Amino acid sequence: MKQFSWLSYWSLLLSVFPVPFFFAILYRLIRIDIYFGLSLIALSIIVSVVFGVMAFVKKTEKNILAGIAIYIALFSAGIVIVIMMLGQMGNPPNA
């Protein structure tokens, strides 16, 4: 019988994490270094996609939650990249 496992749930949780965390860093609600924050966001997206793919190819796993998590993770990555490019945050000026 196919069911959801921890892979699907963690993939979904980690795929939703980057966008609110990015805006919290952007508006200084979380006061950490921008490079460390962007590294955490990138790590969250990568781990979410890896967990989603693992859940997607698992034989005893339902595929719908893993597919949704992969889609949200890639969409979150796109949002973060576009906002970074618009704000030129990839290379902040020397202070």
PDB file of N, CA and C in Angstrom:
ATOM      1  N   MET A   1       0.834  -1.170   0.000  1.00  0.00           N
ATOM      2  CA  MET A   1       0.000   0.000   0.000  1.00  0.00           C
ATOM      3  C   MET A   1       0.893   1.253   0.000  1.00  0.00           C
ATOM      4  N   LYS A   2       0.593   2.173  -0.893  1.00  0.00           N
ATOM      5  CA  LYS A   2       1.383   3.396  -0.990  1.00  0.00           C
ATOM      6  C   LYS A   2       0.913   4.402   0.052  1.00  0.00           C
ATOM      7  N   GLN A   3       1.888   5.080   0.654  1.00  0.00           N
ATOM      8  CA  GLN A   3       1.587   6.086   1.659  1.00  0.00           C
ATOM      9  C   GLN A   3       2.682   7.144   1.645  1.00  0.00           C
ATOM     10  N   PHE A   4       2.459   8.221   2.366  1.00  0.00           N
ATOM     11  CA  PHE A   4       3.460   9.271   2.479  1.00  0.00           C
ATOM     12  C   PHE A   4       4.440   8.908   3.583  1.00  0.00           C
ATOM     13  N   SER A   5       5.691   9.266   3.403  1.00  0.00           N
ATOM     14  CA  SER A   5       6.696   9.016   4.431  1.00  0.00           C
ATOM     15  C   SER A   5       7.353  10.336   4.823  1.00  0.00           C
ATOM     16  N   TRP A   6       8.355  10.243   5.669  1.00  0.00           N
ATOM     17  CA  TRP A   6       9.041  11.434   6.145  1.00  0.00           C
ATOM     18  C   TRP A   6       9.736  12.170   5.012  1.00  0.00           C
ATOM     19  N   LEU A   7      10.122  11.470   3.944  1.00  0.00           N
ATOM     20  CA  LEU A   7      10.775  12.132   2.813  1.00  0.00           C
ATOM     21  C   LEU A   7       9.859  13.182   2.184  1.00  0.00           C
ATOM     22  N   SER A   8       8.618  12.830   1.972  1.00  0.00           N
ATOM     23  CA  SER A   8       7.671  13.767   1.365  1.00  0.00           C
ATOM     24  C   SER A   8       7.388  14.950   2.281  1.00  0.00           C
ATOM     25  N   TYR A   9       7.194  14.668   3.548  1.00  0.00           N
ATOM     26  CA  TYR A   9       6.873  15.743   4.481  1.00  0.00           C
ATOM     27  C   TYR A   9       8.052  16.705   4.668  1.00  0.00           C
ATOM     28  N   TRP A  10       9.263  16.175   4.804  1.00  0.00           N
ATOM     29  CA  TRP A  10      10.429  17.041   4.949  1.00  0.00           C
ATOM     30  C   TRP A  10      10.713  17.806   3.667  1.00  0.00           C
ATOM     31  N   SER A  11      10.499  17.175   2.535  1.00  0.00           N
ATOM     32  CA  SER A  11      10.688  17.867   1.267  1.00  0.00           C
ATOM     33  C   SER A  11       9.722  19.038   1.145  1.00  0.00           C
ATOM     34  N   LEU A  12       8.476  18.826   1.522  1.00  0.00           N
ATOM     35  CA  LEU A  12       7.490  19.904   1.475  1.00  0.00           C
ATOM     36  C   LEU A  12       7.829  21.009   2.474  1.00  0.00           C
ATOM     37  N   LEU A  13       8.233  20.640   3.677  1.00  0.00           N
ATOM     38  CA  LEU A  13       8.582  21.631   4.692  1.00  0.00           C
ATOM     39  C   LEU A  13       9.786  22.462   4.260  1.00  0.00           C
ATOM     40  N   LEU A  14      10.811  21.812   3.727  1.00  0.00           N
ATOM     41  CA  LEU A  14      12.010  22.529   3.304  1.00  0.00           C
ATOM     42  C   LEU A  14      11.794  23.338   2.032  1.00  0.00           C
ATOM     43  N   SER A  15      10.794  22.994   1.242  1.00  0.00           N
ATOM     44  CA  SER A  15      10.535  23.765   0.028  1.00  0.00           C
ATOM     45  C   SER A  15       9.783  25.055   0.327  1.00  0.00           C
ATOM     46  N   VAL A  16       9.035  25.098   1.420  1.00  0.00           N
ATOM     47  CA  VAL A  16       8.289  26.295   1.796  1.00  0.00           C
ATOM     48  C   VAL A  16       9.178  27.268   2.586  1.00  0.00           C
ATOM     49  N   PHE A  17      10.218  26.787   3.204  1.00  0.00           N
ATOM     50  CA  PHE A  17      11.098  27.563   4.075  1.00  0.00           C
ATOM     51  C   PHE A  17      11.826  28.728   3.388  1.00  0.00           C
ATOM     52  N   PRO A  18      12.361  28.618   2.167  1.00  0.00           N
ATOM     53  CA  PRO A  18      13.262  29.656   1.639  1.00  0.00           C
ATOM     54  C   PRO A  18      12.661  31.041   1.437  1.00  0.00           C
ATOM     55  N   VAL A  19      11.461  31.158   0.916  1.00  0.00           N
ATOM     56  CA  VAL A  19      10.922  32.481   0.582  1.00  0.00           C
ATOM     57  C   VAL A  19      10.655  33.326   1.838  1.00  0.00           C
ATOM     58  N   PRO A  20       9.946  32.823   2.858  1.00  0.00           N
ATOM     59  CA  PRO A  20       9.778  33.658   4.063  1.00  0.00           C
ATOM     60  C   PRO A  20      11.106  33.972   4.754  1.00  0.00           C
ATOM     61  N   PHE A  21      12.025  33.012   4.746  1.00  0.00           N
ATOM     62  CA  PHE A  21      13.337  33.233   5.353  1.00  0.00           C
ATOM     63  C   PHE A  21      14.111  34.300   4.583  1.00  0.00           C
ATOM     64  N   PHE A  22      14.006  34.281   3.256  1.00  0.00           N
ATOM     65  CA  PHE A  22      14.685  35.277   2.428  1.00  0.00           C
ATOM     66  C   PHE A  22      14.142  36.675   2.705  1.00  0.00           C
ATOM     67  N   PHE A  23      12.827  36.820   2.796  1.00  0.00           N
ATOM     68  CA  PHE A  23      12.253  38.131   3.091  1.00  0.00           C
ATOM     69  C   PHE A  23      12.575  38.577   4.517  1.00  0.00           C
ATOM     70  N   ALA A  24      12.676  37.641   5.445  1.00  0.00           N
ATOM     71  CA  ALA A  24      13.067  38.000   6.811  1.00  0.00           C
ATOM     72  C   ALA A  24      14.505  38.508   6.844  1.00  0.00           C
ATOM     73  N   ILE A  25      15.380  37.924   6.045  1.00  0.00           N
ATOM     74  CA  ILE A  25      16.756  38.415   5.949  1.00  0.00           C
ATOM     75  C   ILE A  25      16.784  39.760   5.234  1.00  0.00           C
ATOM     76  N   LEU A  26      15.995  39.879   4.181  1.00  0.00           N
ATOM     77  CA  LEU A  26      15.976  41.095   3.370  1.00  0.00           C
ATOM     78  C   LEU A  26      15.523  42.306   4.181  1.00  0.00           C
ATOM     79  N   TYR A  27      14.507  42.148   5.017  1.00  0.00           N
ATOM     80  CA  TYR A  27      13.988  43.250   5.823  1.00  0.00           C
ATOM     81  C   TYR A  27      14.587  43.294   7.227  1.00  0.00           C
ATOM     82  N   ARG A  28      15.666  42.570   7.441  1.00  0.00           N
ATOM     83  CA  ARG A  28      16.408  42.559   8.693  1.00  0.00           C
ATOM     84  C   ARG A  28      15.579  42.136   9.896  1.00  0.00           C
ATOM     85  N   LEU A  29      14.632  41.226   9.689  1.00  0.00           N
ATOM     86  CA  LEU A  29      13.915  40.643  10.821  1.00  0.00           C
ATOM     87  C   LEU A  29      14.769  39.577  11.489  1.00  0.00           C
ATOM     88  N   ILE A  30      15.637  38.958  10.690  1.00  0.00           N
ATOM     89  CA  ILE A  30      16.630  38.011  11.194  1.00  0.00           C
ATOM     90  C   ILE A  30      17.987  38.629  10.899  1.00  0.00           C
ATOM     91  N   ARG A  31      18.730  38.934  11.914  1.00  0.00           N
ATOM     92  CA  ARG A  31      19.994  39.650  11.729  1.00  0.00           C
ATOM     93  C   ARG A  31      21.154  38.664  11.665  1.00  0.00           C
ATOM     94  N   ILE A  32      21.357  38.112  10.460  1.00  0.00           N
ATOM     95  CA  ILE A  32      22.511  37.261  10.213  1.00  0.00           C
ATOM     96  C   ILE A  32      23.198  37.775   8.958  1.00  0.00           C
ATOM     97  N   ASP A  33      24.393  37.283   8.722  1.00  0.00           N
ATOM     98  CA  ASP A  33      25.147  37.674   7.539  1.00  0.00           C
ATOM     99  C   ASP A  33      24.396  37.234   6.286  1.00  0.00           C
ATOM    100  N   ILE A  34      24.393  38.076   5.263  1.00  0.00           N
ATOM    101  CA  ILE A  34      23.633  37.782   4.048  1.00  0.00           C
ATOM    102  C   ILE A  34      24.166  36.534   3.350  1.00  0.00           C
ATOM    103  N   TYR A  35      25.486  36.339   3.369  1.00  0.00           N
ATOM    104  CA  TYR A  35      26.051  35.164   2.708  1.00  0.00           C
ATOM    105  C   TYR A  35      25.664  33.877   3.435  1.00  0.00           C
ATOM    106  N   PHE A  36      25.658  33.927   4.761  1.00  0.00           N
ATOM    107  CA  PHE A  36      25.238  32.762   5.536  1.00  0.00           C
ATOM    108  C   PHE A  36      23.763  32.461   5.302  1.00  0.00           C
ATOM    109  N   GLY A  37      22.936  33.496   5.257  1.00  0.00           N
ATOM    110  CA  GLY A  37      21.506  33.310   4.997  1.00  0.00           C
ATOM    111  C   GLY A  37      21.237  32.743   3.617  1.00  0.00           C
ATOM    112  N   LEU A  38      21.931  33.266   2.608  1.00  0.00           N
ATOM    113  CA  LEU A  38      21.747  32.741   1.255  1.00  0.00           C
ATOM    114  C   LEU A  38      22.253  31.308   1.142  1.00  0.00           C
ATOM    115  N   SER A  39      23.298  30.981   1.902  1.00  0.00           N
ATOM    116  CA  SER A  39      23.782  29.595   1.923  1.00  0.00           C
ATOM    117  C   SER A  39      22.741  28.661   2.537  1.00  0.00           C
ATOM    118  N   LEU A  40      22.089  29.108   3.614  1.00  0.00           N
ATOM    119  CA  LEU A  40      21.026  28.299   4.217  1.00  0.00           C
ATOM    120  C   LEU A  40      19.847  28.117   3.260  1.00  0.00           C
ATOM    121  N   ILE A  41      19.510  29.166   2.527  1.00  0.00           N
ATOM    122  CA  ILE A  41      18.414  29.081   1.565  1.00  0.00           C
ATOM    123  C   ILE A  41      18.761  28.110   0.448  1.00  0.00           C
ATOM    124  N   ALA A  42      19.981  28.214  -0.086  1.00  0.00           N
ATOM    125  CA  ALA A  42      20.405  27.302  -1.153  1.00  0.00           C
ATOM    126  C   ALA A  42      20.443  25.860  -0.655  1.00  0.00           C
ATOM    127  N   LEU A  43      20.941  25.653   0.556  1.00  0.00           N
ATOM    128  CA  LEU A  43      20.985  24.307   1.125  1.00  0.00           C
ATOM    129  C   LEU A  43      19.581  23.743   1.310  1.00  0.00           C
ATOM    130  N   SER A  44      18.661  24.573   1.767  1.00  0.00           N
ATOM    131  CA  SER A  44      17.279  24.134   1.955  1.00  0.00           C
ATOM    132  C   SER A  44      16.643  23.717   0.634  1.00  0.00           C
ATOM    133  N   ILE A  45      16.875  24.483  -0.417  1.00  0.00           N
ATOM    134  CA  ILE A  45      16.302  24.154  -1.723  1.00  0.00           C
ATOM    135  C   ILE A  45      16.905  22.871  -2.272  1.00  0.00           C
ATOM    136  N   ILE A  46      18.217  22.727  -2.151  1.00  0.00           N
ATOM    137  CA  ILE A  46      18.885  21.525  -2.668  1.00  0.00           C
ATOM    138  C   ILE A  46      18.422  20.282  -1.921  1.00  0.00           C
ATOM    139  N   VAL A  47      18.371  20.355  -0.592  1.00  0.00           N
ATOM    140  CA  VAL A  47      17.933  19.197   0.200  1.00  0.00           C
ATOM    141  C   VAL A  47      16.472  18.872  -0.088  1.00  0.00           C
ATOM    142  N   SER A  48      15.648  19.878  -0.273  1.00  0.00           N
ATOM    143  CA  SER A  48      14.240  19.651  -0.591  1.00  0.00           C
ATOM    144  C   SER A  48      14.080  18.931  -1.924  1.00  0.00           C
ATOM    145  N   VAL A  49      14.827  19.358  -2.930  1.00  0.00           N
ATOM    146  CA  VAL A  49      14.739  18.699  -4.236  1.00  0.00           C
ATOM    147  C   VAL A  49      15.265  17.266  -4.153  1.00  0.00           C
ATOM    148  N   VAL A  50      16.353  17.053  -3.429  1.00  0.00           N
ATOM    149  CA  VAL A  50      16.900  15.697  -3.285  1.00  0.00           C
ATOM    150  C   VAL A  50      15.909  14.789  -2.564  1.00  0.00           C
ATOM    151  N   PHE A  51      15.330  15.257  -1.456  1.00  0.00           N
ATOM    152  CA  PHE A  51      14.322  14.459  -0.749  1.00  0.00           C
ATOM    153  C   PHE A  51      13.105  14.202  -1.628  1.00  0.00           C
ATOM    154  N   GLY A  52      12.694  15.204  -2.399  1.00  0.00           N
ATOM    155  CA  GLY A  52      11.548  15.032  -3.290  1.00  0.00           C
ATOM    156  C   GLY A  52      11.803  13.997  -4.367  1.00  0.00           C
ATOM    157  N   VAL A  53      12.991  14.028  -4.956  1.00  0.00           N
ATOM    158  CA  VAL A  53      13.329  13.038  -5.984  1.00  0.00           C
ATOM    159  C   VAL A  53      13.426  11.646  -5.369  1.00  0.00           C
ATOM    160  N   MET A  54      14.011  11.555  -4.176  1.00  0.00           N
ATOM    161  CA  MET A  54      14.087  10.254  -3.508  1.00  0.00           C
ATOM    162  C   MET A  54      12.693   9.704  -3.225  1.00  0.00           C
ATOM    163  N   ALA A  55      11.787  10.556  -2.770  1.00  0.00           N
ATOM    164  CA  ALA A  55      10.415  10.119  -2.500  1.00  0.00           C
ATOM    165  C   ALA A  55       9.675   9.806  -3.792  1.00  0.00           C
ATOM    166  N   PHE A  56      10.003  10.529  -4.853  1.00  0.00           N
ATOM    167  CA  PHE A  56       9.321  10.333  -6.134  1.00  0.00           C
ATOM    168  C   PHE A  56       9.664   8.980  -6.757  1.00  0.00           C
ATOM    169  N   VAL A  57      10.897   8.526  -6.599  1.00  0.00           N
ATOM    170  CA  VAL A  57      11.303   7.250  -7.206  1.00  0.00           C
ATOM    171  C   VAL A  57      11.101   6.062  -6.271  1.00  0.00           C
ATOM    172  N   LYS A  58      10.740   6.313  -5.028  1.00  0.00           N
ATOM    173  CA  LYS A  58      10.497   5.235  -4.072  1.00  0.00           C
ATOM    174  C   LYS A  58       9.213   4.500  -4.449  1.00  0.00           C
ATOM    175  N   LYS A  59       9.260   3.199  -4.460  1.00  0.00           N
ATOM    176  CA  LYS A  59       8.126   2.385  -4.924  1.00  0.00           C
ATOM    177  C   LYS A  59       6.930   2.418  -3.979  1.00  0.00           C
ATOM    178  N   THR A  60       7.174   2.559  -2.688  1.00  0.00           N
ATOM    179  CA  THR A  60       6.081   2.506  -1.713  1.00  0.00           C
ATOM    180  C   THR A  60       5.580   3.890  -1.323  1.00  0.00           C
ATOM    181  N   GLU A  61       5.919   4.890  -2.094  1.00  0.00           N
ATOM    182  CA  GLU A  61       5.589   6.275  -1.759  1.00  0.00           C
ATOM    183  C   GLU A  61       4.569   6.834  -2.747  1.00  0.00           C
ATOM    184  N   LYS A  62       3.600   7.594  -2.218  1.00  0.00           N
ATOM    185  CA  LYS A  62       2.698   8.328  -3.104  1.00  0.00           C
ATOM    186  C   LYS A  62       3.476   9.476  -3.733  1.00  0.00           C
ATOM    187  N   ASN A  63       3.240   9.729  -5.010  1.00  0.00           N
ATOM    188  CA  ASN A  63       4.058  10.689  -5.742  1.00  0.00           C
ATOM    189  C   ASN A  63       3.553  12.126  -5.672  1.00  0.00           C
ATOM    190  N   ILE A  64       2.324  12.346  -5.290  1.00  0.00           N
ATOM    191  CA  ILE A  64       1.740  13.678  -5.411  1.00  0.00           C
ATOM    192  C   ILE A  64       2.415  14.691  -4.485  1.00  0.00           C
ATOM    193  N   LEU A  65       2.679  14.327  -3.254  1.00  0.00           N
ATOM    194  CA  LEU A  65       3.292  15.262  -2.311  1.00  0.00           C
ATOM    195  C   LEU A  65       4.737  15.564  -2.696  1.00  0.00           C
ATOM    196  N   ALA A  66       5.451  14.557  -3.169  1.00  0.00           N
ATOM    197  CA  ALA A  66       6.830  14.771  -3.613  1.00  0.00           C
ATOM    198  C   ALA A  66       6.870  15.671  -4.841  1.00  0.00           C
ATOM    199  N   GLY A  67       5.937  15.484  -5.758  1.00  0.00           N
ATOM    200  CA  GLY A  67       5.880  16.335  -6.945  1.00  0.00           C
ATOM    201  C   GLY A  67       5.566  17.776  -6.602  1.00  0.00           C
ATOM    202  N   ILE A  68       4.632  17.974  -5.688  1.00  0.00           N
ATOM    203  CA  ILE A  68       4.290  19.328  -5.247  1.00  0.00           C
ATOM    204  C   ILE A  68       5.487  19.979  -4.554  1.00  0.00           C
ATOM    205  N   ALA A  69       6.201  19.211  -3.736  1.00  0.00           N
ATOM    206  CA  ALA A  69       7.359  19.752  -3.023  1.00  0.00           C
ATOM    207  C   ALA A  69       8.475  20.142  -3.989  1.00  0.00           C
ATOM    208  N   ILE A  70       8.715  19.329  -5.009  1.00  0.00           N
ATOM    209  CA  ILE A  70       9.736  19.669  -6.008  1.00  0.00           C
ATOM    210  C   ILE A  70       9.341  20.937  -6.750  1.00  0.00           C
ATOM    211  N   TYR A  71       8.088  21.035  -7.131  1.00  0.00           N
ATOM    212  CA  TYR A  71       7.607  22.222  -7.843  1.00  0.00           C
ATOM    213  C   TYR A  71       7.751  23.474  -6.976  1.00  0.00           C
ATOM    214  N   ILE A  72       7.365  23.401  -5.714  1.00  0.00           N
ATOM    215  CA  ILE A  72       7.468  24.558  -4.822  1.00  0.00           C
ATOM    216  C   ILE A  72       8.928  24.932  -4.596  1.00  0.00           C
ATOM    217  N   ALA A  73       9.809  23.936  -4.460  1.00  0.00           N
ATOM    218  CA  ALA A  73      11.232  24.221  -4.246  1.00  0.00           C
ATOM    219  C   ALA A  73      11.836  24.933  -5.450  1.00  0.00           C
ATOM    220  N   LEU A  74      11.522  24.471  -6.644  1.00  0.00           N
ATOM    221  CA  LEU A  74      12.061  25.123  -7.838  1.00  0.00           C
ATOM    222  C   LEU A  74      11.467  26.518  -8.016  1.00  0.00           C
ATOM    223  N   PHE A  75      10.198  26.679  -7.694  1.00  0.00           N
ATOM    224  CA  PHE A  75       9.565  27.998  -7.762  1.00  0.00           C
ATOM    225  C   PHE A  75      10.185  28.943  -6.729  1.00  0.00           C
ATOM    226  N   SER A  76      10.462  28.441  -5.530  1.00  0.00           N
ATOM    227  CA  SER A  76      11.114  29.250  -4.498  1.00  0.00           C
ATOM    228  C   SER A  76      12.507  29.675  -4.941  1.00  0.00           C
ATOM    229  N   ALA A  77      13.227  28.751  -5.559  1.00  0.00           N
ATOM    230  CA  ALA A  77      14.561  29.086  -6.064  1.00  0.00           C
ATOM    231  C   ALA A  77      14.470  30.178  -7.117  1.00  0.00           C
ATOM    232  N   GLY A  78      13.485  30.084  -7.985  1.00  0.00           N
ATOM    233  CA  GLY A  78      13.301  31.109  -9.010  1.00  0.00           C
ATOM    234  C   GLY A  78      12.980  32.465  -8.417  1.00  0.00           C
ATOM    235  N   ILE A  79      12.114  32.488  -7.411  1.00  0.00           N
ATOM    236  CA  ILE A  79      11.758  33.754  -6.761  1.00  0.00           C
ATOM    237  C   ILE A  79      12.984  34.389  -6.103  1.00  0.00           C
ATOM    238  N   VAL A  80      13.754  33.590  -5.379  1.00  0.00           N
ATOM    239  CA  VAL A  80      14.937  34.113  -4.694  1.00  0.00           C
ATOM    240  C   VAL A  80      15.953  34.634  -5.705  1.00  0.00           C
ATOM    241  N   ILE A  81      16.172  33.904  -6.785  1.00  0.00           N
ATOM    242  CA  ILE A  81      17.147  34.324  -7.796  1.00  0.00           C
ATOM    243  C   ILE A  81      16.699  35.607  -8.487  1.00  0.00           C
ATOM    244  N   VAL A  82      15.424  35.701  -8.844  1.00  0.00           N
ATOM    245  CA  VAL A  82      14.932  36.910  -9.517  1.00  0.00           C
ATOM    246  C   VAL A  82      15.041  38.127  -8.599  1.00  0.00           C
ATOM    247  N   ILE A  83      14.680  37.988  -7.336  1.00  0.00           N
ATOM    248  CA  ILE A  83      14.768  39.125  -6.417  1.00  0.00           C
ATOM    249  C   ILE A  83      16.223  39.515  -6.180  1.00  0.00           C
ATOM    250  N   MET A  84      17.118  38.535  -6.110  1.00  0.00           N
ATOM    251  CA  MET A  84      18.537  38.853  -5.967  1.00  0.00           C
ATOM    252  C   MET A  84      19.063  39.589  -7.193  1.00  0.00           C
ATOM    253  N   MET A  85      18.634  39.168  -8.364  1.00  0.00           N
ATOM    254  CA  MET A  85      19.090  39.840  -9.579  1.00  0.00           C
ATOM    255  C   MET A  85      18.520  41.253  -9.673  1.00  0.00           C
ATOM    256  N   LEU A  86      17.270  41.443  -9.289  1.00  0.00           N
ATOM    257  CA  LEU A  86      16.676  42.773  -9.337  1.00  0.00           C
ATOM    258  C   LEU A  86      17.308  43.715  -8.313  1.00  0.00           C
ATOM    259  N   GLY A  87      17.645  43.189  -7.160  1.00  0.00           N
ATOM    260  CA  GLY A  87      18.237  44.015  -6.117  1.00  0.00           C
ATOM    261  C   GLY A  87      19.744  44.016  -6.133  1.00  0.00           C
ATOM    262  N   GLN A  88      20.356  43.308  -7.058  1.00  0.00           N
ATOM    263  CA  GLN A  88      21.806  43.170  -7.178  1.00  0.00           C
ATOM    264  C   GLN A  88      22.422  42.761  -5.846  1.00  0.00           C
ATOM    265  N   MET A  89      21.812  41.735  -5.227  1.00  0.00           N
ATOM    266  CA  MET A  89      22.283  41.272  -3.929  1.00  0.00           C
ATOM    267  C   MET A  89      23.380  40.235  -4.033  1.00  0.00           C
ATOM    268  N   GLY A  90      23.621  39.705  -5.210  1.00  0.00           N
ATOM    269  CA  GLY A  90      24.648  38.686  -5.347  1.00  0.00           C
ATOM    270  C   GLY A  90      26.032  39.218  -5.062  1.00  0.00           C
ATOM    271  N   ASN A  91      26.251  40.504  -5.289  1.00  0.00           N
ATOM    272  CA  ASN A  91      27.541  41.130  -5.057  1.00  0.00           C
ATOM    273  C   ASN A  91      27.315  42.471  -4.362  1.00  0.00           C
ATOM    274  N   PRO A  92      27.110  42.461  -3.033  1.00  0.00           N
ATOM    275  CA  PRO A  92      26.857  43.729  -2.347  1.00  0.00           C
ATOM    276  C   PRO A  92      28.099  44.619  -2.379  1.00  0.00           C
ATOM    277  N   PRO A  93      27.917  45.935  -2.392  1.00  0.00           N
ATOM    278  CA  PRO A  93      29.072  46.844  -2.459  1.00  0.00           C
ATOM    279  C   PRO A  93      29.890  46.790  -1.178  1.00  0.00           C
ATOM    280  N   ASN A  94      31.140  47.139  -1.309  1.00  0.00           N
ATOM    281  CA  ASN A  94      32.017  47.170  -0.133  1.00  0.00           C
ATOM    282  C   ASN A  94      31.651  48.362   0.742  1.00  0.00           C
ATOM    283  N   ALA A  95      31.547  48.102   2.023  1.00  0.00           N
ATOM    284  CA  ALA A  95      31.155  49.180   2.940  1.00  0.00           C
ATOM    285  C   ALA A  95      32.360  49.822   3.577  1.00  0.00           C
TER     286      ALA A  95
END
